Amino acid sequence: MRDRRMLLAIDSCEHVMETVAPLLEGVFRGTERVYILTTSRESLRVEGEHVHRLAPLDCPPVGASLNAPEALSYSAVKLFVERAAASRKSRRAQQLGGITGRRDLSQTRRHRPRDRVCGKPR
């Protein structure tokens, strides 16, 4: 890792703060070209840390009865829907490269209409 240029991204550090903080501080001290990006509800309190606080996303009120356009007017709902759609597309792309994709292709071939001469398959 010492000689590599990379971005190390770690999400939700607050759950493993006691383990992650000293590890990341060691990476920071021992490398020059490794950049670290973390998300956490609290600061890691380590050397070299720059904290950028983000405002919370807008959420609908608890128990609100909303239609889809109304729900999508809230930033938290909109982000959730966008991430779910992206995840679905990503999962589908992975499947197409694997067994599921081959199975779909074979089913397409199997259900393709055959040329017929006098009612019999050619």
PDB file of N, CA and C in Angstrom:
ATOM      1  N   MET A   1       0.819  -1.182   0.000  1.00  0.00           N
ATOM      2  CA  MET A   1       0.000   0.000   0.000  1.00  0.00           C
ATOM      3  C   MET A   1       0.876   1.264   0.000  1.00  0.00           C
ATOM      4  N   ARG A   2       2.024   1.162   0.561  1.00  0.00           N
ATOM      5  CA  ARG A   2       2.913   2.307   0.731  1.00  0.00           C
ATOM      6  C   ARG A   2       3.252   2.976  -0.597  1.00  0.00           C
ATOM      7  N   ASP A   3       3.480   2.199  -1.656  1.00  0.00           N
ATOM      8  CA  ASP A   3       3.903   2.754  -2.941  1.00  0.00           C
ATOM      9  C   ASP A   3       2.751   2.950  -3.914  1.00  0.00           C
ATOM     10  N   ARG A   4       1.547   2.658  -3.500  1.00  0.00           N
ATOM     11  CA  ARG A   4       0.404   2.749  -4.408  1.00  0.00           C
ATOM     12  C   ARG A   4      -0.333   4.062  -4.245  1.00  0.00           C
ATOM     13  N   ARG A   5      -0.954   4.499  -5.328  1.00  0.00           N
ATOM     14  CA  ARG A   5      -1.840   5.656  -5.291  1.00  0.00           C
ATOM     15  C   ARG A   5      -3.260   5.109  -5.274  1.00  0.00           C
ATOM     16  N   MET A   6      -4.022   5.452  -4.227  1.00  0.00           N
ATOM     17  CA  MET A   6      -5.369   4.897  -4.125  1.00  0.00           C
ATOM     18  C   MET A   6      -6.254   5.737  -3.216  1.00  0.00           C
ATOM     19  N   LEU A   7      -7.550   5.477  -3.340  1.00  0.00           N
ATOM     20  CA  LEU A   7      -8.549   6.065  -2.455  1.00  0.00           C
ATOM     21  C   LEU A   7      -9.116   4.926  -1.626  1.00  0.00           C
ATOM     22  N   LEU A   8      -9.051   5.067  -0.332  1.00  0.00           N
ATOM     23  CA  LEU A   8      -9.589   4.084   0.595  1.00  0.00           C
ATOM     24  C   LEU A   8     -10.881   4.669   1.149  1.00  0.00           C
ATOM     25  N   ALA A   9     -12.018   4.058   0.852  1.00  0.00           N
ATOM     26  CA  ALA A   9     -13.318   4.563   1.297  1.00  0.00           C
ATOM     27  C   ALA A   9     -13.929   3.595   2.296  1.00  0.00           C
ATOM     28  N   ILE A  10     -14.322   4.132   3.443  1.00  0.00           N
ATOM     29  CA  ILE A  10     -14.928   3.323   4.496  1.00  0.00           C
ATOM     30  C   ILE A  10     -16.202   4.022   4.949  1.00  0.00           C
ATOM     31  N   ASP A  11     -17.307   3.304   4.905  1.00  0.00           N
ATOM     32  CA  ASP A  11     -18.620   3.858   5.222  1.00  0.00           C
ATOM     33  C   ASP A  11     -19.043   3.452   6.633  1.00  0.00           C
ATOM     34  N   SER A  12     -19.732   4.332   7.311  1.00  0.00           N
ATOM     35  CA  SER A  12     -20.328   4.076   8.636  1.00  0.00           C
ATOM     36  C   SER A  12     -19.301   3.666   9.688  1.00  0.00           C
ATOM     37  N   CYS A  13     -18.283   4.457   9.854  1.00  0.00           N
ATOM     38  CA  CYS A  13     -17.191   4.157  10.798  1.00  0.00           C
ATOM     39  C   CYS A  13     -17.611   4.201  12.255  1.00  0.00           C
ATOM     40  N   GLU A  14     -18.729   4.852  12.566  1.00  0.00           N
ATOM     41  CA  GLU A  14     -19.093   5.012  13.976  1.00  0.00           C
ATOM     42  C   GLU A  14     -19.269   3.682  14.694  1.00  0.00           C
ATOM     43  N   HIS A  15     -19.554   2.623  13.977  1.00  0.00           N
ATOM     44  CA  HIS A  15     -19.778   1.311  14.595  1.00  0.00           C
ATOM     45  C   HIS A  15     -18.474   0.601  14.951  1.00  0.00           C
ATOM     46  N   VAL A  16     -17.388   1.012  14.315  1.00  0.00           N
ATOM     47  CA  VAL A  16     -16.094   0.349  14.542  1.00  0.00           C
ATOM     48  C   VAL A  16     -14.996   1.379  14.823  1.00  0.00           C
ATOM     49  N   MET A  17     -15.373   2.477  15.448  1.00  0.00           N
ATOM     50  CA  MET A  17     -14.482   3.614  15.671  1.00  0.00           C
ATOM     51  C   MET A  17     -13.177   3.224  16.376  1.00  0.00           C
ATOM     52  N   GLU A  18     -13.251   2.430  17.414  1.00  0.00           N
ATOM     53  CA  GLU A  18     -12.048   2.091  18.195  1.00  0.00           C
ATOM     54  C   GLU A  18     -11.037   1.295  17.375  1.00  0.00           C
ATOM     55  N   THR A  19     -11.505   0.521  16.418  1.00  0.00           N
ATOM     56  CA  THR A  19     -10.615  -0.275  15.574  1.00  0.00           C
ATOM     57  C   THR A  19     -10.132   0.519  14.373  1.00  0.00           C
ATOM     58  N   VAL A  20     -11.038   1.247  13.740  1.00  0.00           N
ATOM     59  CA  VAL A  20     -10.729   1.940  12.488  1.00  0.00           C
ATOM     60  C   VAL A  20      -9.826   3.159  12.689  1.00  0.00           C
ATOM     61  N   ALA A  21     -10.050   3.935  13.734  1.00  0.00           N
ATOM     62  CA  ALA A  21      -9.290   5.177  13.925  1.00  0.00           C
ATOM     63  C   ALA A  21      -7.778   4.932  13.972  1.00  0.00           C
ATOM     64  N   PRO A  22      -7.280   4.020  14.812  1.00  0.00           N
ATOM     65  CA  PRO A  22      -5.820   3.818  14.814  1.00  0.00           C
ATOM     66  C   PRO A  22      -5.298   3.219  13.503  1.00  0.00           C
ATOM     67  N   LEU A  23      -6.086   2.375  12.861  1.00  0.00           N
ATOM     68  CA  LEU A  23      -5.687   1.785  11.585  1.00  0.00           C
ATOM     69  C   LEU A  23      -5.526   2.871  10.522  1.00  0.00           C
ATOM     70  N   LEU A  24      -6.505   3.747  10.426  1.00  0.00           N
ATOM     71  CA  LEU A  24      -6.451   4.807   9.421  1.00  0.00           C
ATOM     72  C   LEU A  24      -5.362   5.829   9.733  1.00  0.00           C
ATOM     73  N   GLU A  25      -5.137   6.092  10.993  1.00  0.00           N
ATOM     74  CA  GLU A  25      -4.059   7.006  11.347  1.00  0.00           C
ATOM     75  C   GLU A  25      -2.705   6.419  10.939  1.00  0.00           C
ATOM     76  N   GLY A  26      -2.543   5.108  11.090  1.00  0.00           N
ATOM     77  CA  GLY A  26      -1.316   4.442  10.636  1.00  0.00           C
ATOM     78  C   GLY A  26      -1.155   4.519   9.135  1.00  0.00           C
ATOM     79  N   VAL A  27      -2.255   4.348   8.400  1.00  0.00           N
ATOM     80  CA  VAL A  27      -2.212   4.458   6.932  1.00  0.00           C
ATOM     81  C   VAL A  27      -1.837   5.885   6.551  1.00  0.00           C
ATOM     82  N   PHE A  28      -2.418   6.867   7.223  1.00  0.00           N
ATOM     83  CA  PHE A  28      -2.134   8.276   6.935  1.00  0.00           C
ATOM     84  C   PHE A  28      -0.654   8.593   7.151  1.00  0.00           C
ATOM     85  N   ARG A  29      -0.113   8.114   8.237  1.00  0.00           N
ATOM     86  CA  ARG A  29       1.294   8.395   8.556  1.00  0.00           C
ATOM     87  C   ARG A  29       2.260   7.618   7.656  1.00  0.00           C
ATOM     88  N   GLY A  30       1.893   6.406   7.260  1.00  0.00           N
ATOM     89  CA  GLY A  30       2.815   5.540   6.541  1.00  0.00           C
ATOM     90  C   GLY A  30       2.757   5.618   5.031  1.00  0.00           C
ATOM     91  N   THR A  31       1.870   6.448   4.491  1.00  0.00           N
ATOM     92  CA  THR A  31       1.744   6.543   3.033  1.00  0.00           C
ATOM     93  C   THR A  31       1.664   8.011   2.617  1.00  0.00           C
ATOM     94  N   GLU A  32       2.004   8.266   1.373  1.00  0.00           N
ATOM     95  CA  GLU A  32       1.895   9.627   0.850  1.00  0.00           C
ATOM     96  C   GLU A  32       0.819   9.761  -0.220  1.00  0.00           C
ATOM     97  N   ARG A  33       0.485   8.652  -0.870  1.00  0.00           N
ATOM     98  CA  ARG A  33      -0.431   8.721  -2.013  1.00  0.00           C
ATOM     99  C   ARG A  33      -1.732   7.982  -1.772  1.00  0.00           C
ATOM    100  N   VAL A  34      -2.015   7.634  -0.523  1.00  0.00           N
ATOM    101  CA  VAL A  34      -3.282   6.996  -0.184  1.00  0.00           C
ATOM    102  C   VAL A  34      -4.187   8.052   0.436  1.00  0.00           C
ATOM    103  N   TYR A  35      -5.354   8.231  -0.172  1.00  0.00           N
ATOM    104  CA  TYR A  35      -6.336   9.188   0.327  1.00  0.00           C
ATOM    105  C   TYR A  35      -7.438   8.397   1.008  1.00  0.00           C
ATOM    106  N   ILE A  36      -7.936   8.928   2.103  1.00  0.00           N
ATOM    107  CA  ILE A  36      -8.932   8.212   2.905  1.00  0.00           C
ATOM    108  C   ILE A  36     -10.212   9.036   2.944  1.00  0.00           C
ATOM    109  N   LEU A  37     -11.328   8.402   2.623  1.00  0.00           N
ATOM    110  CA  LEU A  37     -12.644   9.023   2.703  1.00  0.00           C
ATOM    111  C   LEU A  37     -13.496   8.142   3.596  1.00  0.00           C
ATOM    112  N   THR A  38     -14.016   8.718   4.666  1.00  0.00           N
ATOM    113  CA  THR A  38     -14.865   7.940   5.574  1.00  0.00           C
ATOM    114  C   THR A  38     -16.189   8.656   5.761  1.00  0.00           C
ATOM    115  N   THR A  39     -17.201   7.888   6.115  1.00  0.00           N
ATOM    116  CA  THR A  39     -18.465   8.472   6.556  1.00  0.00           C
ATOM    117  C   THR A  39     -18.681   7.998   7.982  1.00  0.00           C
ATOM    118  N   SER A  40     -19.162   8.910   8.799  1.00  0.00           N
ATOM    119  CA  SER A  40     -19.392   8.584  10.201  1.00  0.00           C
ATOM    120  C   SER A  40     -20.289   9.650  10.807  1.00  0.00           C
ATOM    121  N   ARG A  41     -20.984   9.292  11.836  1.00  0.00           N
ATOM    122  CA  ARG A  41     -21.809  10.272  12.535  1.00  0.00           C
ATOM    123  C   ARG A  41     -20.988  11.082  13.522  1.00  0.00           C
ATOM    124  N   GLU A  42     -19.734  10.684  13.716  1.00  0.00           N
ATOM    125  CA  GLU A  42     -18.857  11.424  14.610  1.00  0.00           C
ATOM    126  C   GLU A  42     -17.442  11.445  14.052  1.00  0.00           C
ATOM    127  N   SER A  43     -16.663  12.373  14.542  1.00  0.00           N
ATOM    128  CA  SER A  43     -15.291  12.527  14.082  1.00  0.00           C
ATOM    129  C   SER A  43     -14.432  11.349  14.542  1.00  0.00           C
ATOM    130  N   LEU A  44     -13.449  10.985  13.703  1.00  0.00           N
ATOM    131  CA  LEU A  44     -12.509   9.919  14.085  1.00  0.00           C
ATOM    132  C   LEU A  44     -11.469  10.439  15.083  1.00  0.00           C
ATOM    133  N   ARG A  45     -11.239  11.759  15.066  1.00  0.00           N
ATOM    134  CA  ARG A  45     -10.254  12.410  15.931  1.00  0.00           C
ATOM    135  C   ARG A  45      -8.854  11.830  15.718  1.00  0.00           C
ATOM    136  N   VAL A  46      -8.429  11.830  14.454  1.00  0.00           N
ATOM    137  CA  VAL A  46      -7.101  11.323  14.109  1.00  0.00           C
ATOM    138  C   VAL A  46      -6.322  12.413  13.363  1.00  0.00           C
ATOM    139  N   GLU A  47      -5.021  12.254  13.339  1.00  0.00           N
ATOM    140  CA  GLU A  47      -4.140  13.193  12.646  1.00  0.00           C
ATOM    141  C   GLU A  47      -4.523  13.296  11.170  1.00  0.00           C
ATOM    142  N   GLY A  48      -4.588  14.513  10.666  1.00  0.00           N
ATOM    143  CA  GLY A  48      -4.859  14.737   9.255  1.00  0.00           C
ATOM    144  C   GLY A  48      -6.328  14.750   8.879  1.00  0.00           C
ATOM    145  N   GLU A  49      -7.207  14.576   9.842  1.00  0.00           N
ATOM    146  CA  GLU A  49      -8.642  14.507   9.545  1.00  0.00           C
ATOM    147  C   GLU A  49      -9.201  15.892   9.229  1.00  0.00           C
ATOM    148  N   HIS A  50     -10.012  15.958   8.179  1.00  0.00           N
ATOM    149  CA  HIS A  50     -10.763  17.159   7.826  1.00  0.00           C
ATOM    150  C   HIS A  50     -12.230  16.767   7.853  1.00  0.00           C
ATOM    151  N   VAL A  51     -13.007  17.411   8.687  1.00  0.00           N
ATOM    152  CA  VAL A  51     -14.414  17.065   8.853  1.00  0.00           C
ATOM    153  C   VAL A  51     -15.265  17.973   7.976  1.00  0.00           C
ATOM    154  N   HIS A  52     -16.162  17.354   7.223  1.00  0.00           N
ATOM    155  CA  HIS A  52     -17.133  18.084   6.405  1.00  0.00           C
ATOM    156  C   HIS A  52     -18.522  17.610   6.843  1.00  0.00           C
ATOM    157  N   ARG A  53     -19.234  18.442   7.515  1.00  0.00           N
ATOM    158  CA  ARG A  53     -20.563  18.072   8.027  1.00  0.00           C
ATOM    159  C   ARG A  53     -21.616  18.271   6.938  1.00  0.00           C
ATOM    160  N   LEU A  54     -22.504  17.306   6.822  1.00  0.00           N
ATOM    161  CA  LEU A  54     -23.591  17.363   5.850  1.00  0.00           C
ATOM    162  C   LEU A  54     -24.917  17.534   6.579  1.00  0.00           C
ATOM    163  N   ALA A  55     -25.789  18.303   5.999  1.00  0.00           N
ATOM    164  CA  ALA A  55     -27.128  18.467   6.572  1.00  0.00           C
ATOM    165  C   ALA A  55     -27.922  17.183   6.347  1.00  0.00           C
ATOM    166  N   PRO A  56     -28.817  16.852   7.254  1.00  0.00           N
ATOM    167  CA  PRO A  56     -29.636  15.649   7.054  1.00  0.00           C
ATOM    168  C   PRO A  56     -30.573  15.828   5.861  1.00  0.00           C
ATOM    169  N   LEU A  57     -30.959  14.714   5.266  1.00  0.00           N
ATOM    170  CA  LEU A  57     -31.901  14.749   4.148  1.00  0.00           C
ATOM    171  C   LEU A  57     -33.315  14.971   4.680  1.00  0.00           C
ATOM    172  N   ASP A  58     -34.143  15.607   3.841  1.00  0.00           N
ATOM    173  CA  ASP A  58     -35.547  15.822   4.209  1.00  0.00           C
ATOM    174  C   ASP A  58     -36.300  14.505   4.159  1.00  0.00           C
ATOM    175  N   CYS A  59     -37.071  14.234   5.206  1.00  0.00           N
ATOM    176  CA  CYS A  59     -37.866  13.005   5.284  1.00  0.00           C
ATOM    177  C   CYS A  59     -39.333  13.362   5.448  1.00  0.00           C
ATOM    178  N   PRO A  60     -40.212  12.524   4.933  1.00  0.00           N
ATOM    179  CA  PRO A  60     -41.635  12.776   5.152  1.00  0.00           C
ATOM    180  C   PRO A  60     -41.982  12.562   6.631  1.00  0.00           C
ATOM    181  N   PRO A  61     -43.016  13.218   7.110  1.00  0.00           N
ATOM    182  CA  PRO A  61     -43.430  13.016   8.498  1.00  0.00           C
ATOM    183  C   PRO A  61     -43.856  11.564   8.736  1.00  0.00           C
ATOM    184  N   VAL A  62     -43.615  11.083   9.936  1.00  0.00           N
ATOM    185  CA  VAL A  62     -44.008   9.717  10.296  1.00  0.00           C
ATOM    186  C   VAL A  62     -45.515   9.582  10.141  1.00  0.00           C
ATOM    187  N   GLY A  63     -45.939   8.525   9.488  1.00  0.00           N
ATOM    188  CA  GLY A  63     -47.366   8.250   9.306  1.00  0.00           C
ATOM    189  C   GLY A  63     -48.014   9.023   8.181  1.00  0.00           C
ATOM    190  N   ALA A  64     -47.241   9.790   7.427  1.00  0.00           N
ATOM    191  CA  ALA A  64     -47.807  10.564   6.322  1.00  0.00           C
ATOM    192  C   ALA A  64     -48.302   9.631   5.225  1.00  0.00           C
ATOM    193  N   SER A  65     -49.439   9.949   4.669  1.00  0.00           N
ATOM    194  CA  SER A  65     -50.001   9.183   3.560  1.00  0.00           C
ATOM    195  C   SER A  65     -49.750   9.992   2.283  1.00  0.00           C
ATOM    196  N   LEU A  66     -48.759   9.538   1.507  1.00  0.00           N
ATOM    197  CA  LEU A  66     -48.314  10.299   0.342  1.00  0.00           C
ATOM    198  C   LEU A  66     -48.429   9.473  -0.925  1.00  0.00           C
ATOM    199  N   ASN A  67     -48.703  10.135  -2.035  1.00  0.00           N
ATOM    200  CA  ASN A  67     -48.609   9.451  -3.315  1.00  0.00           C
ATOM    201  C   ASN A  67     -47.150   9.527  -3.767  1.00  0.00           C
ATOM    202  N   ALA A  68     -46.819   8.856  -4.866  1.00  0.00           N
ATOM    203  CA  ALA A  68     -45.423   8.776  -5.318  1.00  0.00           C
ATOM    204  C   ALA A  68     -44.807  10.156  -5.582  1.00  0.00           C
ATOM    205  N   PRO A  69     -45.454  11.035  -6.344  1.00  0.00           N
ATOM    206  CA  PRO A  69     -44.835  12.352  -6.582  1.00  0.00           C
ATOM    207  C   PRO A  69     -44.609  13.141  -5.292  1.00  0.00           C
ATOM    208  N   GLU A  70     -45.552  13.036  -4.353  1.00  0.00           N
ATOM    209  CA  GLU A  70     -45.386  13.739  -3.078  1.00  0.00           C
ATOM    210  C   GLU A  70     -44.201  13.159  -2.297  1.00  0.00           C
ATOM    211  N   ALA A  71     -44.095  11.837  -2.264  1.00  0.00           N
ATOM    212  CA  ALA A  71     -42.994  11.182  -1.545  1.00  0.00           C
ATOM    213  C   ALA A  71     -41.653  11.554  -2.169  1.00  0.00           C
ATOM    214  N   LEU A  72     -41.615  11.606  -3.495  1.00  0.00           N
ATOM    215  CA  LEU A  72     -40.356  11.920  -4.186  1.00  0.00           C
ATOM    216  C   LEU A  72     -39.935  13.378  -4.027  1.00  0.00           C
ATOM    217  N   SER A  73     -40.795  14.202  -3.468  1.00  0.00           N
ATOM    218  CA  SER A  73     -40.398  15.590  -3.206  1.00  0.00           C
ATOM    219  C   SER A  73     -39.474  15.676  -1.989  1.00  0.00           C
ATOM    220  N   TYR A  74     -39.342  14.587  -1.225  1.00  0.00           N
ATOM    221  CA  TYR A  74     -38.434  14.536  -0.075  1.00  0.00           C
ATOM    222  C   TYR A  74     -37.100  13.957  -0.525  1.00  0.00           C
ATOM    223  N   SER A  75     -36.014  14.636  -0.180  1.00  0.00           N
ATOM    224  CA  SER A  75     -34.685  14.230  -0.652  1.00  0.00           C
ATOM    225  C   SER A  75     -34.289  12.825  -0.182  1.00  0.00           C
ATOM    226  N   ALA A  76     -34.701  12.420   1.005  1.00  0.00           N
ATOM    227  CA  ALA A  76     -34.351  11.078   1.501  1.00  0.00           C
ATOM    228  C   ALA A  76     -35.034  10.000   0.659  1.00  0.00           C
ATOM    229  N   VAL A  77     -36.277  10.199   0.321  1.00  0.00           N
ATOM    230  CA  VAL A  77     -37.018   9.231  -0.500  1.00  0.00           C
ATOM    231  C   VAL A  77     -36.436   9.193  -1.905  1.00  0.00           C
ATOM    232  N   LYS A  78     -36.156  10.354  -2.463  1.00  0.00           N
ATOM    233  CA  LYS A  78     -35.604  10.424  -3.813  1.00  0.00           C
ATOM    234  C   LYS A  78     -34.258   9.697  -3.891  1.00  0.00           C
ATOM    235  N   LEU A  79     -33.375   9.925  -2.914  1.00  0.00           N
ATOM    236  CA  LEU A  79     -32.077   9.248  -2.893  1.00  0.00           C
ATOM    237  C   LEU A  79     -32.259   7.741  -2.755  1.00  0.00           C
ATOM    238  N   PHE A  80     -33.168   7.302  -1.883  1.00  0.00           N
ATOM    239  CA  PHE A  80     -33.422   5.871  -1.702  1.00  0.00           C
ATOM    240  C   PHE A  80     -33.876   5.228  -3.011  1.00  0.00           C
ATOM    241  N   VAL A  81     -34.805   5.859  -3.707  1.00  0.00           N
ATOM    242  CA  VAL A  81     -35.325   5.318  -4.966  1.00  0.00           C
ATOM    243  C   VAL A  81     -34.224   5.280  -6.027  1.00  0.00           C
ATOM    244  N   GLU A  82     -33.415   6.325  -6.118  1.00  0.00           N
ATOM    245  CA  GLU A  82     -32.315   6.353  -7.090  1.00  0.00           C
ATOM    246  C   GLU A  82     -31.295   5.250  -6.814  1.00  0.00           C
ATOM    247  N   ARG A  83     -30.930   5.055  -5.550  1.00  0.00           N
ATOM    248  CA  ARG A  83     -29.948   4.022  -5.179  1.00  0.00           C
ATOM    249  C   ARG A  83     -30.523   2.629  -5.404  1.00  0.00           C
ATOM    250  N   ALA A  84     -31.803   2.433  -5.110  1.00  0.00           N
ATOM    251  CA  ALA A  84     -32.428   1.132  -5.348  1.00  0.00           C
ATOM    252  C   ALA A  84     -32.444   0.808  -6.833  1.00  0.00           C
ATOM    253  N   ALA A  85     -32.763   1.789  -7.672  1.00  0.00           N
ATOM    254  CA  ALA A  85     -32.776   1.571  -9.116  1.00  0.00           C
ATOM    255  C   ALA A  85     -31.373   1.274  -9.632  1.00  0.00           C
ATOM    256  N   ALA A  86     -30.377   2.004  -9.146  1.00  0.00           N
ATOM    257  CA  ALA A  86     -28.995   1.773  -9.579  1.00  0.00           C
ATOM    258  C   ALA A  86     -28.523   0.391  -9.141  1.00  0.00           C
ATOM    259  N   SER A  87     -28.895  -0.014  -7.943  1.00  0.00           N
ATOM    260  CA  SER A  87     -28.516  -1.336  -7.436  1.00  0.00           C
ATOM    261  C   SER A  87     -29.145  -2.434  -8.285  1.00  0.00           C
ATOM    262  N   ARG A  88     -30.385  -2.247  -8.647  1.00  0.00           N
ATOM    263  CA  ARG A  88     -31.079  -3.247  -9.477  1.00  0.00           C
ATOM    264  C   ARG A  88     -30.413  -3.381 -10.846  1.00  0.00           C
ATOM    265  N   LYS A  89     -30.064  -2.242 -11.456  1.00  0.00           N
ATOM    266  CA  LYS A  89     -29.388  -2.272 -12.758  1.00  0.00           C
ATOM    267  C   LYS A  89     -28.036  -2.947 -12.645  1.00  0.00           C
ATOM    268  N   SER A  90     -27.304  -2.642 -11.582  1.00  0.00           N
ATOM    269  CA  SER A  90     -25.985  -3.228 -11.375  1.00  0.00           C
ATOM    270  C   SER A  90     -26.087  -4.738 -11.184  1.00  0.00           C
ATOM    271  N   ARG A  91     -27.046  -5.170 -10.372  1.00  0.00           N
ATOM    272  CA  ARG A  91     -27.242  -6.598 -10.123  1.00  0.00           C
ATOM    273  C   ARG A  91     -27.622  -7.318 -11.418  1.00  0.00           C
ATOM    274  N   ARG A  92     -28.460  -6.697 -12.216  1.00  0.00           N
ATOM    275  CA  ARG A  92     -28.888  -7.294 -13.484  1.00  0.00           C
ATOM    276  C   ARG A  92     -27.701  -7.422 -14.440  1.00  0.00           C
ATOM    277  N   ALA A  93     -26.854  -6.390 -14.471  1.00  0.00           N
ATOM    278  CA  ALA A  93     -25.674  -6.440 -15.347  1.00  0.00           C
ATOM    279  C   ALA A  93     -24.748  -7.567 -14.921  1.00  0.00           C
ATOM    280  N   GLN A  94     -24.602  -7.772 -13.615  1.00  0.00           N
ATOM    281  CA  GLN A  94     -23.758  -8.864 -13.129  1.00  0.00           C
ATOM    282  C   GLN A  94     -24.360 -10.209 -13.513  1.00  0.00           C
ATOM    283  N   GLN A  95     -25.680 -10.326 -13.428  1.00  0.00           N
ATOM    284  CA  GLN A  95     -26.344 -11.581 -13.777  1.00  0.00           C
ATOM    285  C   GLN A  95     -26.163 -11.904 -15.246  1.00  0.00           C
ATOM    286  N   LEU A  96     -26.202 -10.902 -16.096  1.00  0.00           N
ATOM    287  CA  LEU A  96     -26.062 -11.153 -17.525  1.00  0.00           C
ATOM    288  C   LEU A  96     -24.696 -11.723 -17.866  1.00  0.00           C
ATOM    289  N   GLY A  97     -23.709 -11.442 -17.042  1.00  0.00           N
ATOM    290  CA  GLY A  97     -22.377 -11.989 -17.262  1.00  0.00           C
ATOM    291  C   GLY A  97     -22.235 -13.392 -16.694  1.00  0.00           C
ATOM    292  N   GLY A  98     -23.225 -13.846 -15.949  1.00  0.00           N
ATOM    293  CA  GLY A  98     -23.126 -15.147 -15.287  1.00  0.00           C
ATOM    294  C   GLY A  98     -24.162 -16.127 -15.773  1.00  0.00           C
ATOM    295  N   ILE A  99     -24.492 -17.058 -14.934  1.00  0.00           N
ATOM    296  CA  ILE A  99     -25.399 -18.150 -15.274  1.00  0.00           C
ATOM    297  C   ILE A  99     -26.771 -17.637 -15.653  1.00  0.00           C
ATOM    298  N   THR A 100     -27.285 -16.645 -14.921  1.00  0.00           N
ATOM    299  CA  THR A 100     -28.619 -16.130 -15.215  1.00  0.00           C
ATOM    300  C   THR A 100     -28.682 -15.618 -16.645  1.00  0.00           C
ATOM    301  N   GLY A 101     -27.658 -14.895 -17.073  1.00  0.00           N
ATOM    302  CA  GLY A 101     -27.627 -14.385 -18.438  1.00  0.00           C
ATOM    303  C   GLY A 101     -27.631 -15.493 -19.459  1.00  0.00           C
ATOM    304  N   ARG A 102     -26.863 -16.549 -19.193  1.00  0.00           N
ATOM    305  CA  ARG A 102     -26.834 -17.678 -20.124  1.00  0.00           C
ATOM    306  C   ARG A 102     -28.182 -18.385 -20.169  1.00  0.00           C
ATOM    307  N   ARG A 103     -28.820 -18.512 -19.006  1.00  0.00           N
ATOM    308  CA  ARG A 103     -30.131 -19.166 -18.961  1.00  0.00           C
ATOM    309  C   ARG A 103     -31.139 -18.353 -19.757  1.00  0.00           C
ATOM    310  N   ASP A 104     -31.142 -17.010 -19.573  1.00  0.00           N
ATOM    311  CA  ASP A 104     -32.058 -16.163 -20.326  1.00  0.00           C
ATOM    312  C   ASP A 104     -31.819 -16.304 -21.821  1.00  0.00           C
ATOM    313  N   LEU A 105     -30.563 -16.338 -22.231  1.00  0.00           N
ATOM    314  CA  LEU A 105     -30.216 -16.482 -23.633  1.00  0.00           C
ATOM    315  C   LEU A 105     -30.689 -17.821 -24.169  1.00  0.00           C
ATOM    316  N   SER A 106     -30.494 -18.890 -23.383  1.00  0.00           N
ATOM    317  CA  SER A 106     -30.919 -20.211 -23.856  1.00  0.00           C
ATOM    318  C   SER A 106     -32.432 -20.286 -23.966  1.00  0.00           C
ATOM    319  N   GLN A 107     -33.163 -19.628 -23.053  1.00  0.00           N
ATOM    320  CA  GLN A 107     -34.615 -19.625 -23.140  1.00  0.00           C
ATOM    321  C   GLN A 107     -35.077 -18.840 -24.351  1.00  0.00           C
ATOM    322  N   THR A 108     -34.373 -17.780 -24.670  1.00  0.00           N
ATOM    323  CA  THR A 108     -34.705 -17.002 -25.864  1.00  0.00           C
ATOM    324  C   THR A 108     -34.556 -17.876 -27.109  1.00  0.00           C
ATOM    325  N   ARG A 109     -33.486 -18.634 -27.176  1.00  0.00           N
ATOM    326  CA  ARG A 109     -33.270 -19.514 -28.317  1.00  0.00           C
ATOM    327  C   ARG A 109     -34.320 -20.614 -28.380  1.00  0.00           C
ATOM    328  N   ARG A 110     -34.672 -21.171 -27.219  1.00  0.00           N
ATOM    329  CA  ARG A 110     -35.613 -22.281 -27.183  1.00  0.00           C
ATOM    330  C   ARG A 110     -37.004 -21.847 -27.629  1.00  0.00           C
ATOM    331  N   HIS A 111     -37.397 -20.594 -27.296  1.00  0.00           N
ATOM    332  CA  HIS A 111     -38.743 -20.138 -27.611  1.00  0.00           C
ATOM    333  C   HIS A 111     -38.828 -19.369 -28.926  1.00  0.00           C
ATOM    334  N   ARG A 112     -37.759 -19.343 -29.680  1.00  0.00           N
ATOM    335  CA  ARG A 112     -37.755 -18.660 -30.967  1.00  0.00           C
ATOM    336  C   ARG A 112     -38.588 -19.488 -31.958  1.00  0.00           C
ATOM    337  N   PRO A 113     -39.436 -18.844 -32.738  1.00  0.00           N
ATOM    338  CA  PRO A 113     -40.235 -19.603 -33.717  1.00  0.00           C
ATOM    339  C   PRO A 113     -39.328 -20.324 -34.712  1.00  0.00           C
ATOM    340  N   ARG A 114     -39.692 -21.543 -35.057  1.00  0.00           N
ATOM    341  CA  ARG A 114     -38.884 -22.313 -36.007  1.00  0.00           C
ATOM    342  C   ARG A 114     -39.473 -22.184 -37.408  1.00  0.00           C
ATOM    343  N   ASP A 115     -38.592 -22.322 -38.376  1.00  0.00           N
ATOM    344  CA  ASP A 115     -39.073 -22.351 -39.762  1.00  0.00           C
ATOM    345  C   ASP A 115     -39.882 -23.630 -39.947  1.00  0.00           C
ATOM    346  N   ARG A 116     -41.000 -23.517 -40.611  1.00  0.00           N
ATOM    347  CA  ARG A 116     -41.845 -24.707 -40.815  1.00  0.00           C
ATOM    348  C   ARG A 116     -42.084 -24.913 -42.296  1.00  0.00           C
ATOM    349  N   VAL A 117     -42.021 -26.163 -42.685  1.00  0.00           N
ATOM    350  CA  VAL A 117     -42.365 -26.554 -44.048  1.00  0.00           C
ATOM    351  C   VAL A 117     -43.400 -27.649 -43.916  1.00  0.00           C
ATOM    352  N   CYS A 118     -44.595 -27.424 -44.475  1.00  0.00           N
ATOM    353  CA  CYS A 118     -45.683 -28.391 -44.408  1.00  0.00           C
ATOM    354  C   CYS A 118     -46.023 -28.782 -42.971  1.00  0.00           C
ATOM    355  N   GLY A 119     -45.952 -27.803 -42.033  1.00  0.00           N
ATOM    356  CA  GLY A 119     -46.348 -28.075 -40.651  1.00  0.00           C
ATOM    357  C   GLY A 119     -45.315 -28.820 -39.823  1.00  0.00           C
ATOM    358  N   LYS A 120     -44.172 -29.172 -40.405  1.00  0.00           N
ATOM    359  CA  LYS A 120     -43.152 -29.890 -39.655  1.00  0.00           C
ATOM    360  C   LYS A 120     -41.943 -28.975 -39.460  1.00  0.00           C
ATOM    361  N   PRO A 121     -41.272 -29.087 -38.288  1.00  0.00           N
ATOM    362  CA  PRO A 121     -40.070 -28.282 -38.094  1.00  0.00           C
ATOM    363  C   PRO A 121     -39.021 -28.633 -39.114  1.00  0.00           C
ATOM    364  N   ARG A 122     -38.343 -27.657 -39.610  1.00  0.00           N
ATOM    365  CA  ARG A 122     -37.292 -27.865 -40.605  1.00  0.00           C
ATOM    366  C   ARG A 122     -36.031 -28.390 -39.974  1.00  0.00           C
TER     367      ARG A 122
END
